[in-house]
Amino acid sequence: MSHLLRRQGWVAGLFALLIVLFVITKLIQPGYGSGDFGSLARAVLPYAFAVAAQTVVVIAGGIDLSVAAMMALTSVTAASMMAGASEEYALFVVPFVLAMGFVLGALNGLLIVVTRVPDIVVTLAMLFVLQGAALLVLGAPGGAAAEWLKAMISGTVPIPGLPQNIDAWLPKALLVLIICLCIVWIPLRRSRLGLSIYAIGSSELAAFRSGVPVKRTRIIAYALSGLFAAMGGLALTMSTGIGAPIPGPYLLASVAAVVLGGVALGGGKGGLLGPIVAVFVLRLVRTDLTLLAIDPNVTAIIEGLIMVAVVMFGAFITMRGRQS
């Protein structure tokens, strides 16, 4: 039990920080309630999937700079396919887009493994390719989302037996996030594949000598990253009702949340819970800055400085770890 507490100490600290931020938010705006929390959950949703995508490859000892562009491409693909189509057609669009993200992620991994070019170079090149493809699909924000998809993240989940003022704090967007992440992450974390991903992140050579199929594992890690990125693209379309061809600020935010969540940039350490909590922390900081009526440009600068500082701190810790 004590080992578990030590291992999860960083995550517990993030939860404590999140609670403090909620208290500060309540002090800034006394009327902050369940509706505002629901809006926060919807805003966090695409960021959370971007963070999940980044977490998998960072644990595997890599990094994916194409996450935001892949989200943009899957978002516009889904929106353009659903524009003018029937509600039932979206039942085909969702698995198609998820498979598309999985394949594109696997392509990233395959290029890295086959060419032996550093992942930062390959994924940077893919960023431009995917961004251009997104603009070819939709030259400007447009398309549509099925009503039942938008309804999936709007409102709250009624819980039988609980007062309405309590279950109002369980937004559908948060439930969708939890279900999607658990369906993929929990089986993965407990599987041999999950252990292999951690192994190649800790030491690729040691993993190879232990019989881990390093190349295949790396390809699958990037494929899972693409799957999560596709979920993020769908979440973006669901929350806005349209497709956005220009990648949002998800790349730096995903790396910052991964580091703040306790995942080592060198790979092999960390989990998914910490980065997801870190996303809520970062978005709530932005909410508080907005509530304080700080100029939006200044807010963007402050948010960017926080993210850069977090990433630099993570890089410093990684360098210290390698030196020791």
Protein backbone atom coordinates (compact mmCIF):
# COMPACT_ATOMS: atom_id res chain seq x y z
CA MET A 1 0.00 0.00 0.00
CA SER A 2 2.81 2.41 0.91
CA HIS A 3 4.55 1.63 -2.40
CA LEU A 4 1.32 2.40 -4.25
CA LEU A 5 0.93 5.68 -2.39
CA ARG A 6 4.50 6.71 -3.22
CA ARG A 7 4.03 5.78 -6.85
CA GLN A 8 0.76 7.71 -7.12
CA GLY A 9 1.97 10.63 -4.98
CA TRP A 10 2.43 12.91 -7.99
CA VAL A 11 -1.08 12.14 -9.25
CA ALA A 12 -2.50 12.77 -5.77
CA GLY A 13 -0.71 16.11 -5.76
CA LEU A 14 -2.29 16.99 -9.10
CA PHE A 15 -5.73 16.10 -7.73
CA ALA A 16 -5.05 18.37 -4.75
CA LEU A 17 -3.96 21.18 -7.09
CA LEU A 18 -7.12 20.66 -9.15
CA ILE A 19 -9.29 20.97 -6.04
CA VAL A 20 -7.46 24.16 -5.04
CA LEU A 21 -8.05 25.59 -8.51
CA PHE A 22 -11.76 24.74 -8.28
CA VAL A 23 -11.91 26.59 -4.94
CA ILE A 24 -10.15 29.59 -6.50
CA THR A 25 -12.58 29.47 -9.42
CA LYS A 26 -15.51 29.44 -7.01
CA LEU A 27 -14.06 32.45 -5.17
CA ILE A 28 -13.56 34.35 -8.43
CA GLN A 29 -17.05 33.49 -9.66
CA PRO A 30 -19.38 32.44 -6.81
CA GLY A 31 -21.99 31.37 -9.35
CA TYR A 32 -19.70 28.72 -10.85
CA GLY A 33 -21.77 25.53 -10.94
CA SER A 34 -22.47 22.23 -12.66
CA GLY A 35 -23.23 23.90 -16.00
CA ASP A 36 -19.81 25.56 -16.02
CA PHE A 37 -18.17 22.25 -15.10
CA GLY A 38 -19.97 20.63 -18.02
CA SER A 39 -18.58 23.31 -20.34
CA LEU A 40 -15.10 22.65 -18.93
CA ALA A 41 -15.47 18.91 -19.58
CA ARG A 42 -16.52 19.52 -23.20
CA ALA A 43 -13.59 21.89 -23.71
CA VAL A 44 -11.18 19.38 -22.17
CA LEU A 45 -12.39 16.42 -24.27
CA PRO A 46 -10.28 16.96 -27.44
CA TYR A 47 -7.27 17.97 -25.34
CA ALA A 48 -7.59 14.82 -23.23
CA PHE A 49 -7.55 12.56 -26.28
CA ALA A 50 -4.54 14.46 -27.67
CA VAL A 51 -2.78 13.90 -24.35
CA ALA A 52 -3.65 10.19 -24.42
CA ALA A 53 -2.19 9.98 -27.93
CA GLN A 54 1.02 11.65 -26.81
CA THR A 55 1.27 9.65 -23.59
CA VAL A 56 1.46 6.28 -25.35
CA VAL A 57 4.38 7.23 -27.59
CA VAL A 58 6.25 9.13 -24.87
CA ILE A 59 6.07 6.08 -22.60
CA ALA A 60 7.47 4.10 -25.55
CA GLY A 61 10.41 6.52 -25.67
CA GLY A 62 9.23 8.60 -28.61
CA ILE A 63 7.24 11.72 -29.39
CA ASP A 64 4.52 12.47 -31.94
CA LEU A 65 4.46 15.97 -33.40
CA SER A 66 1.66 15.06 -35.81
CA VAL A 67 -1.04 14.59 -33.15
CA ALA A 68 -2.76 17.94 -33.72
CA ALA A 69 -2.62 17.63 -37.52
CA MET A 70 -4.05 14.11 -37.32
CA MET A 71 -6.88 15.43 -35.17
CA ALA A 72 -7.57 18.11 -37.78
CA LEU A 73 -7.62 15.59 -40.63
CA THR A 74 -9.93 13.16 -38.83
CA SER A 75 -12.15 16.05 -37.73
CA VAL A 76 -12.68 17.41 -41.25
CA THR A 77 -13.03 13.91 -42.68
CA ALA A 78 -15.82 13.09 -40.24
CA ALA A 79 -17.52 16.47 -40.70
CA SER A 80 -17.40 16.34 -44.50
CA MET A 81 -18.73 12.77 -44.58
CA MET A 82 -21.62 13.60 -42.25
CA ALA A 83 -22.58 16.84 -44.00
CA GLY A 84 -26.00 16.32 -45.56
CA ALA A 85 -26.00 12.63 -44.67
CA SER A 86 -28.51 10.75 -42.56
CA GLU A 87 -28.10 10.28 -38.83
CA GLU A 88 -27.59 6.55 -39.36
CA TYR A 89 -24.68 7.20 -41.75
CA ALA A 90 -22.65 8.48 -38.80
CA LEU A 91 -22.63 4.91 -37.48
CA PHE A 92 -20.34 4.13 -40.42
CA VAL A 93 -18.34 7.36 -40.21
CA VAL A 94 -17.19 6.89 -36.60
CA PRO A 95 -15.46 3.49 -37.03
CA PHE A 96 -14.08 4.60 -40.41
CA VAL A 97 -12.43 7.67 -38.88
CA LEU A 98 -11.09 5.67 -35.92
CA ALA A 99 -9.60 3.10 -38.30
CA MET A 100 -8.16 5.94 -40.36
CA GLY A 101 -6.38 7.34 -37.31
CA PHE A 102 -5.07 3.89 -36.37
CA VAL A 103 -3.65 3.33 -39.86
CA LEU A 104 -2.06 6.79 -40.06
CA GLY A 105 -0.48 6.27 -36.65
CA ALA A 106 0.83 2.88 -37.75
CA LEU A 107 2.28 4.57 -40.84
CA ASN A 108 4.15 6.96 -38.56
CA GLY A 109 5.59 4.04 -36.63
CA LEU A 110 6.44 2.10 -39.78
CA LEU A 111 8.34 5.04 -41.27
CA ILE A 112 10.29 5.48 -38.03
CA VAL A 113 11.17 1.79 -37.82
CA VAL A 114 12.02 1.28 -41.51
CA THR A 115 13.94 4.50 -42.18
CA ARG A 116 15.53 4.69 -38.69
CA VAL A 117 15.04 8.45 -38.89
CA PRO A 118 14.38 10.04 -35.46
CA ASP A 119 10.70 10.11 -34.61
CA ILE A 120 10.74 13.87 -34.12
CA VAL A 121 11.77 14.29 -37.79
CA VAL A 122 9.30 11.75 -39.19
CA THR A 123 6.32 13.06 -37.23
CA LEU A 124 7.23 16.66 -38.04
CA ALA A 125 7.16 15.77 -41.74
CA MET A 126 3.84 13.97 -41.24
CA LEU A 127 2.50 17.06 -39.50
CA PHE A 128 2.82 19.04 -42.74
CA VAL A 129 1.47 16.17 -44.85
CA LEU A 130 -1.61 15.69 -42.66
CA GLN A 131 -2.19 19.43 -42.33
CA GLY A 132 -2.14 19.78 -46.11
CA ALA A 133 -4.49 16.82 -46.48
CA ALA A 134 -6.90 18.39 -43.98
CA LEU A 135 -6.98 21.59 -46.02
CA LEU A 136 -7.66 19.58 -49.17
CA VAL A 137 -10.66 17.92 -47.52
CA LEU A 138 -12.04 21.22 -46.19
CA GLY A 139 -10.49 24.53 -47.15
CA ALA A 140 -12.31 26.28 -44.29
CA PRO A 141 -14.22 25.21 -41.18
CA GLY A 142 -17.38 23.46 -42.28
CA GLY A 143 -19.22 20.19 -42.57
CA ALA A 144 -21.57 18.91 -39.91
CA ALA A 145 -21.95 16.40 -37.10
CA ALA A 146 -24.82 14.01 -36.50
CA GLU A 147 -27.22 15.20 -33.83
CA TRP A 148 -26.87 12.03 -31.80
CA LEU A 149 -23.10 12.49 -31.72
CA LYS A 150 -23.44 16.06 -30.45
CA ALA A 151 -25.98 14.89 -27.88
CA MET A 152 -23.46 12.36 -26.54
CA ILE A 153 -21.40 15.13 -24.95
CA SER A 154 -24.17 17.61 -24.14
CA GLY A 155 -25.94 17.66 -20.81
CA THR A 156 -25.50 15.38 -17.83
CA VAL A 157 -26.00 11.73 -16.97
CA PRO A 158 -28.97 11.09 -14.65
CA ILE A 159 -28.10 8.64 -11.87
CA PRO A 160 -31.10 6.79 -10.39
CA GLY A 161 -31.48 7.38 -6.68
CA LEU A 162 -29.35 10.52 -6.54
CA PRO A 163 -30.68 14.07 -6.22
CA GLN A 164 -30.62 16.08 -9.43
CA ASN A 165 -28.22 18.64 -7.96
CA ILE A 166 -25.65 15.86 -7.47
CA ASP A 167 -25.86 13.98 -10.78
CA ALA A 168 -25.76 17.37 -12.52
CA TRP A 169 -22.02 17.25 -11.77
CA LEU A 170 -21.54 14.21 -14.03
CA PRO A 171 -21.44 15.66 -17.55
CA LYS A 172 -21.80 13.30 -20.49
CA ALA A 173 -18.51 14.57 -21.94
CA LEU A 174 -16.63 13.37 -18.86
CA LEU A 175 -18.34 9.97 -18.99
CA VAL A 176 -17.50 9.59 -22.70
CA LEU A 177 -13.87 10.42 -21.95
CA ILE A 178 -13.65 7.91 -19.09
CA ILE A 179 -15.29 5.11 -21.10
CA CYS A 180 -13.17 5.63 -24.24
CA LEU A 181 -9.90 5.80 -22.33
CA CYS A 182 -10.72 2.82 -20.11
CA ILE A 183 -11.75 0.63 -23.06
CA VAL A 184 -8.30 1.09 -24.62
CA TRP A 185 -5.94 1.83 -21.73
CA ILE A 186 -6.92 -0.66 -19.01
CA PRO A 187 -6.64 -3.80 -21.21
CA LEU A 188 -3.45 -2.37 -22.76
CA ARG A 189 -1.81 -1.59 -19.41
CA ARG A 190 -2.46 -5.12 -18.15
CA SER A 191 -1.39 -6.86 -21.36
CA ARG A 192 1.94 -8.12 -22.59
CA LEU A 193 1.87 -5.41 -25.25
CA GLY A 194 1.55 -2.73 -22.58
CA LEU A 195 4.54 -4.13 -20.71
CA SER A 196 6.48 -4.18 -23.98
CA ILE A 197 5.69 -0.50 -24.59
CA TYR A 198 7.06 0.38 -21.16
CA ALA A 199 10.07 -1.87 -21.76
CA ILE A 200 11.18 -0.25 -25.02
CA GLY A 201 10.74 3.15 -23.39
CA SER A 202 12.97 2.21 -20.46
CA SER A 203 15.71 0.64 -22.58
CA GLU A 204 15.25 -0.45 -26.16
CA LEU A 205 18.40 -2.56 -26.10
CA ALA A 206 17.46 -4.33 -22.87
CA ALA A 207 13.96 -4.94 -24.21
CA PHE A 208 15.38 -6.43 -27.42
CA ARG A 209 17.67 -8.74 -25.45
CA SER A 210 14.68 -9.82 -23.37
CA GLY A 211 12.85 -10.97 -26.47
CA VAL A 212 10.53 -7.98 -26.90
CA PRO A 213 9.62 -7.39 -30.58
CA VAL A 214 10.84 -3.79 -30.48
CA LYS A 215 9.92 -2.75 -34.02
CA ARG A 216 6.42 -4.20 -33.91
CA THR A 217 5.80 -2.72 -30.46
CA ARG A 218 6.86 0.74 -31.61
CA ILE A 219 4.57 0.56 -34.65
CA ILE A 220 1.63 -0.47 -32.46
CA ALA A 221 2.39 2.34 -29.98
CA TYR A 222 2.14 4.90 -32.77
CA ALA A 223 -0.98 3.19 -34.13
CA LEU A 224 -2.63 3.56 -30.71
CA SER A 225 -1.54 7.18 -30.68
CA GLY A 226 -3.30 7.62 -34.02
CA LEU A 227 -6.41 5.95 -32.62
CA PHE A 228 -6.53 8.38 -29.69
CA ALA A 229 -5.87 11.31 -32.05
CA ALA A 230 -8.84 10.19 -34.17
CA MET A 231 -10.96 10.14 -31.02
CA GLY A 232 -9.78 13.69 -30.41
CA GLY A 233 -10.73 14.72 -33.94
CA LEU A 234 -14.19 13.23 -33.49
CA ALA A 235 -14.53 14.96 -30.11
CA LEU A 236 -13.63 18.25 -31.76
CA THR A 237 -16.32 17.77 -34.40
CA MET A 238 -18.85 16.65 -31.78
CA SER A 239 -18.22 19.69 -29.58
CA THR A 240 -18.21 22.31 -32.35
CA GLY A 241 -20.58 20.67 -34.84
CA ILE A 242 -18.13 21.28 -37.71
CA GLY A 243 -14.70 20.21 -38.91
CA ALA A 244 -11.65 22.41 -38.34
CA PRO A 245 -8.84 21.99 -40.93
CA ILE A 246 -6.32 24.11 -39.01
CA PRO A 247 -4.67 22.20 -36.14
CA GLY A 248 -5.47 23.76 -32.78
CA PRO A 249 -3.05 24.26 -29.87
CA TYR A 250 -3.13 20.58 -29.04
CA LEU A 251 0.51 19.66 -29.71
CA LEU A 252 2.22 21.79 -27.06
CA ALA A 253 -0.69 21.28 -24.68
CA SER A 254 -0.38 17.50 -25.03
CA VAL A 255 3.36 17.51 -24.33
CA ALA A 256 2.94 19.90 -21.38
CA ALA A 257 0.16 17.78 -19.85
CA VAL A 258 2.20 14.60 -20.33
CA VAL A 259 5.14 16.12 -18.46
CA LEU A 260 2.97 17.73 -15.78
CA GLY A 261 1.20 14.39 -15.38
CA GLY A 262 4.40 12.67 -14.31
CA VAL A 263 5.36 10.85 -17.52
CA ALA A 264 9.12 10.85 -18.12
CA LEU A 265 10.07 12.36 -21.48
CA GLY A 266 12.77 9.71 -21.70
CA GLY A 267 10.10 7.01 -21.70
CA GLY A 268 9.31 3.96 -19.62
CA LYS A 269 7.67 5.72 -16.69
CA GLY A 270 4.24 7.16 -15.98
CA GLY A 271 0.62 6.41 -16.72
CA LEU A 272 -2.46 7.96 -18.23
CA LEU A 273 -4.30 9.22 -15.14
CA GLY A 274 -1.75 11.92 -14.28
CA PRO A 275 -1.71 13.54 -17.75
CA ILE A 276 -5.53 13.54 -17.90
CA VAL A 277 -5.74 15.30 -14.52
CA ALA A 278 -3.04 17.70 -15.76
CA VAL A 279 -5.25 18.62 -18.73
CA PHE A 280 -8.02 19.68 -16.37
CA VAL A 281 -5.48 21.68 -14.34
CA LEU A 282 -4.20 23.54 -17.41
CA ARG A 283 -7.69 24.25 -18.78
CA LEU A 284 -8.94 25.42 -15.39
CA VAL A 285 -6.00 27.83 -15.17
CA ARG A 286 -7.13 29.28 -18.49
CA THR A 287 -10.70 29.50 -17.19
CA ASP A 288 -9.56 31.41 -14.11
CA LEU A 289 -7.51 33.83 -16.21
CA THR A 290 -10.58 34.44 -18.38
CA LEU A 291 -12.80 34.98 -15.33
CA LEU A 292 -10.31 37.55 -14.04
CA ALA A 293 -10.99 39.53 -17.24
CA ILE A 294 -7.36 39.36 -18.29
CA ASP A 295 -6.76 40.34 -21.90
CA PRO A 296 -7.09 37.23 -24.13
CA ASN A 297 -3.70 37.90 -25.70
CA VAL A 298 -2.08 38.10 -22.26
CA THR A 299 -3.94 34.92 -21.27
CA ALA A 300 -2.50 33.14 -24.30
CA ILE A 301 1.00 34.36 -23.39
CA ILE A 302 0.67 33.20 -19.78
CA GLU A 303 -0.73 29.83 -20.83
CA GLY A 304 2.08 29.39 -23.35
CA LEU A 305 4.74 30.31 -20.80
CA ILE A 306 3.32 27.79 -18.33
CA MET A 307 3.41 25.04 -20.97
CA VAL A 308 6.94 25.91 -22.08
CA ALA A 309 8.14 25.99 -18.47
CA VAL A 310 6.57 22.59 -17.77
CA VAL A 311 8.12 21.02 -20.88
CA MET A 312 11.55 22.52 -20.10
CA PHE A 313 11.31 21.21 -16.55
CA GLY A 314 10.48 17.75 -17.86
CA ALA A 315 13.42 17.87 -20.28
CA PHE A 316 15.72 18.95 -17.43
CA ILE A 317 14.56 16.05 -15.24
CA THR A 318 15.11 13.64 -18.14
CA MET A 319 18.65 14.92 -18.73
CA ARG A 320 19.47 14.65 -15.02
CA GLY A 321 18.14 11.10 -15.01
CA ARG A 322 20.33 10.09 -17.95
CA GLN A 323 23.43 11.65 -16.38
CA SER A 324 22.89 9.78 -13.13
